């Protein structure tokens, strides 16, 4: 639930850029929440891996796919929040 709330907040932040006054502070807070969400997803991945001893293969596959989708959404959100890298010749 925490992961989904964080992802929803990121989407709201990206959809309505004019409504946020201090974008840099909000961006920083959202990046911290995404890091926490990523840690939770990693914990879920560990639980699914430990459950592989007694879960049927279908449930195991479903659990792995769900955790992978969470990681993908977190990564996509993190890339959306990151400022674009500036290009320069060195």
C-alpha atoms as a PDB file:
ATOM      1  CA  UNK A   1       0.000   0.000   0.000  1.00  0.00           C
ATOM      2  CA  UNK A   2       2.826   2.396   0.841  1.00  0.00           C
ATOM      3  CA  UNK A   3       4.475   1.684  -2.492  1.00  0.00           C
ATOM      4  CA  UNK A   4       1.309   2.413  -4.451  1.00  0.00           C
ATOM      5  CA  UNK A   5       0.660   5.631  -2.497  1.00  0.00           C
ATOM      6  CA  UNK A   6       4.188   6.806  -3.264  1.00  0.00           C
ATOM      7  CA  UNK A   7       3.804   6.026  -6.963  1.00  0.00           C
ATOM      8  CA  UNK A   8       0.469   7.885  -7.018  1.00  0.00           C
ATOM      9  CA  UNK A   9       2.089  10.930  -5.378  1.00  0.00           C
ATOM     10  CA  UNK A  10       4.832  10.947  -7.997  1.00  0.00           C
ATOM     11  CA  UNK A  11       2.252  10.795 -10.784  1.00  0.00           C
ATOM     12  CA  UNK A  12       0.314  13.693  -9.235  1.00  0.00           C
ATOM     13  CA  UNK A  13       3.521  15.700  -8.910  1.00  0.00           C
ATOM     14  CA  UNK A  14       4.400  15.114 -12.556  1.00  0.00           C
ATOM     15  CA  UNK A  15       0.857  15.718 -13.860  1.00  0.00           C
ATOM     16  CA  UNK A  16       0.335  19.073 -12.108  1.00  0.00           C
ATOM     17  CA  UNK A  17       3.666  20.907 -12.110  1.00  0.00           C
ATOM     18  CA  UNK A  18       2.146  24.389 -11.656  1.00  0.00           C
ATOM     19  CA  UNK A  19       0.418  23.544  -8.371  1.00  0.00           C
ATOM     20  CA  UNK A  20       3.633  22.840  -6.462  1.00  0.00           C
ATOM     21  CA  UNK A  21       5.416  25.840  -4.981  1.00  0.00           C
ATOM     22  CA  UNK A  22       8.751  24.418  -3.857  1.00  0.00           C
ATOM     23  CA  UNK A  23       9.452  21.834  -6.543  1.00  0.00           C
ATOM     24  CA  UNK A  24      13.033  21.048  -5.496  1.00  0.00           C
ATOM     25  CA  UNK A  25      12.043  20.262  -1.900  1.00  0.00           C
ATOM     26  CA  UNK A  26       9.051  18.210  -3.037  1.00  0.00           C
ATOM     27  CA  UNK A  27      11.194  16.380  -5.583  1.00  0.00           C
ATOM     28  CA  UNK A  28      13.732  15.539  -2.864  1.00  0.00           C
ATOM     29  CA  UNK A  29      10.996  14.243  -0.548  1.00  0.00           C
ATOM     30  CA  UNK A  30       9.496  12.121  -3.329  1.00  0.00           C
ATOM     31  CA  UNK A  31      12.906  10.669  -4.183  1.00  0.00           C
ATOM     32  CA  UNK A  32      13.304   9.663  -0.529  1.00  0.00           C
ATOM     33  CA  UNK A  33       9.865   8.045  -0.576  1.00  0.00           C
ATOM     34  CA  UNK A  34      10.773   6.205  -3.773  1.00  0.00           C
ATOM     35  CA  UNK A  35      13.924   4.902  -2.102  1.00  0.00           C
ATOM     36  CA  UNK A  36      11.825   3.634   0.814  1.00  0.00           C
ATOM     37  CA  UNK A  37       9.343   2.080  -1.640  1.00  0.00           C
ATOM     38  CA  UNK A  38      12.225   0.387  -3.441  1.00  0.00           C
ATOM     39  CA  UNK A  39      13.452  -1.034  -0.133  1.00  0.00           C
ATOM     40  CA  UNK A  40       9.957  -2.376   0.595  1.00  0.00           C
ATOM     41  CA  UNK A  41       9.785  -3.961  -2.856  1.00  0.00           C
ATOM     42  CA  UNK A  42      13.174  -5.576  -2.239  1.00  0.00           C
ATOM     43  CA  UNK A  43      11.811  -6.966   1.032  1.00  0.00           C
ATOM     44  CA  UNK A  44       8.833  -8.390  -0.855  1.00  0.00           C
ATOM     45  CA  UNK A  45      11.227  -9.984  -3.334  1.00  0.00           C
ATOM     46  CA  UNK A  46      13.078 -11.661  -0.465  1.00  0.00           C
ATOM     47  CA  UNK A  47       9.810 -12.966   0.988  1.00  0.00           C
ATOM     48  CA  UNK A  48       8.775 -14.387  -2.366  1.00  0.00           C
ATOM     49  CA  UNK A  49      12.179 -16.050  -2.702  1.00  0.00           C
ATOM     50  CA  UNK A  50      11.897 -17.584   0.768  1.00  0.00           C
ATOM     51  CA  UNK A  51       8.378 -18.762  -0.002  1.00  0.00           C
ATOM     52  CA  UNK A  52       9.627 -20.643  -3.052  1.00  0.00           C
ATOM     53  CA  UNK A  53      10.082 -23.723  -0.883  1.00  0.00           C
ATOM     54  CA  UNK A  54       6.370 -24.172  -0.316  1.00  0.00           C
ATOM     55  CA  UNK A  55       4.559 -22.086  -2.961  1.00  0.00           C
ATOM     56  CA  UNK A  56       3.191 -23.746  -6.085  1.00  0.00           C
ATOM     57  CA  UNK A  57       5.008 -22.687  -9.246  1.00  0.00           C
ATOM     58  CA  UNK A  58       2.071 -20.601 -10.512  1.00  0.00           C
ATOM     59  CA  UNK A  59       1.905 -18.557  -7.294  1.00  0.00           C
ATOM     60  CA  UNK A  60       5.664 -18.151  -7.272  1.00  0.00           C
ATOM     61  CA  UNK A  61       5.647 -16.896 -10.855  1.00  0.00           C
ATOM     62  CA  UNK A  62       2.773 -14.529 -10.070  1.00  0.00           C
ATOM     63  CA  UNK A  63       4.621 -13.166  -7.021  1.00  0.00           C
ATOM     64  CA  UNK A  64       7.816 -12.618  -8.997  1.00  0.00           C
ATOM     65  CA  UNK A  65       5.964 -10.881 -11.828  1.00  0.00           C
ATOM     66  CA  UNK A  66       4.179  -8.578  -9.381  1.00  0.00           C
ATOM     67  CA  UNK A  67       7.406  -7.585  -7.654  1.00  0.00           C
ATOM     68  CA  UNK A  68       9.084  -7.015 -11.026  1.00  0.00           C
ATOM     69  CA  UNK A  69       6.230  -4.720 -12.110  1.00  0.00           C
ATOM     70  CA  UNK A  70       6.613  -2.773  -8.837  1.00  0.00           C
ATOM     71  CA  UNK A  71      10.350  -2.378  -9.427  1.00  0.00           C
ATOM     72  CA  UNK A  72       9.695  -1.212 -12.992  1.00  0.00           C
ATOM     73  CA  UNK A  73       7.162   1.406 -11.853  1.00  0.00           C
ATOM     74  CA  UNK A  74       9.520   2.641  -9.144  1.00  0.00           C
ATOM     75  CA  UNK A  75      12.394   2.885 -11.620  1.00  0.00           C
ATOM     76  CA  UNK A  76      10.209   4.699 -14.161  1.00  0.00           C
ATOM     77  CA  UNK A  77       9.034   7.140 -11.499  1.00  0.00           C
ATOM     78  CA  UNK A  78      12.592   7.724 -10.303  1.00  0.00           C
ATOM     79  CA  UNK A  79      13.738   8.493 -13.869  1.00  0.00           C
ATOM     80  CA  UNK A  80      10.784  10.834 -14.369  1.00  0.00           C
ATOM     81  CA  UNK A  81      11.689  12.794 -11.246  1.00  0.00           C
ATOM     82  CA  UNK A  82      15.396  12.982 -11.977  1.00  0.00           C
ATOM     83  CA  UNK A  83      16.513  16.185 -13.636  1.00  0.00           C
ATOM     84  CA  UNK A  84      17.776  15.623 -17.146  1.00  0.00           C
ATOM     85  CA  UNK A  85      21.512  15.184 -17.342  1.00  0.00           C
ATOM     86  CA  UNK A  86      23.235  18.120 -18.902  1.00  0.00           C
ATOM     87  CA  UNK A  87      25.329  17.345 -21.929  1.00  0.00           C
ATOM     88  CA  UNK A  88      28.784  18.803 -22.147  1.00  0.00           C
ATOM     89  CA  UNK A  89      32.073  18.088 -23.788  1.00  0.00           C
ATOM     90  CA  UNK A  90      34.946  17.570 -21.408  1.00  0.00           C
END
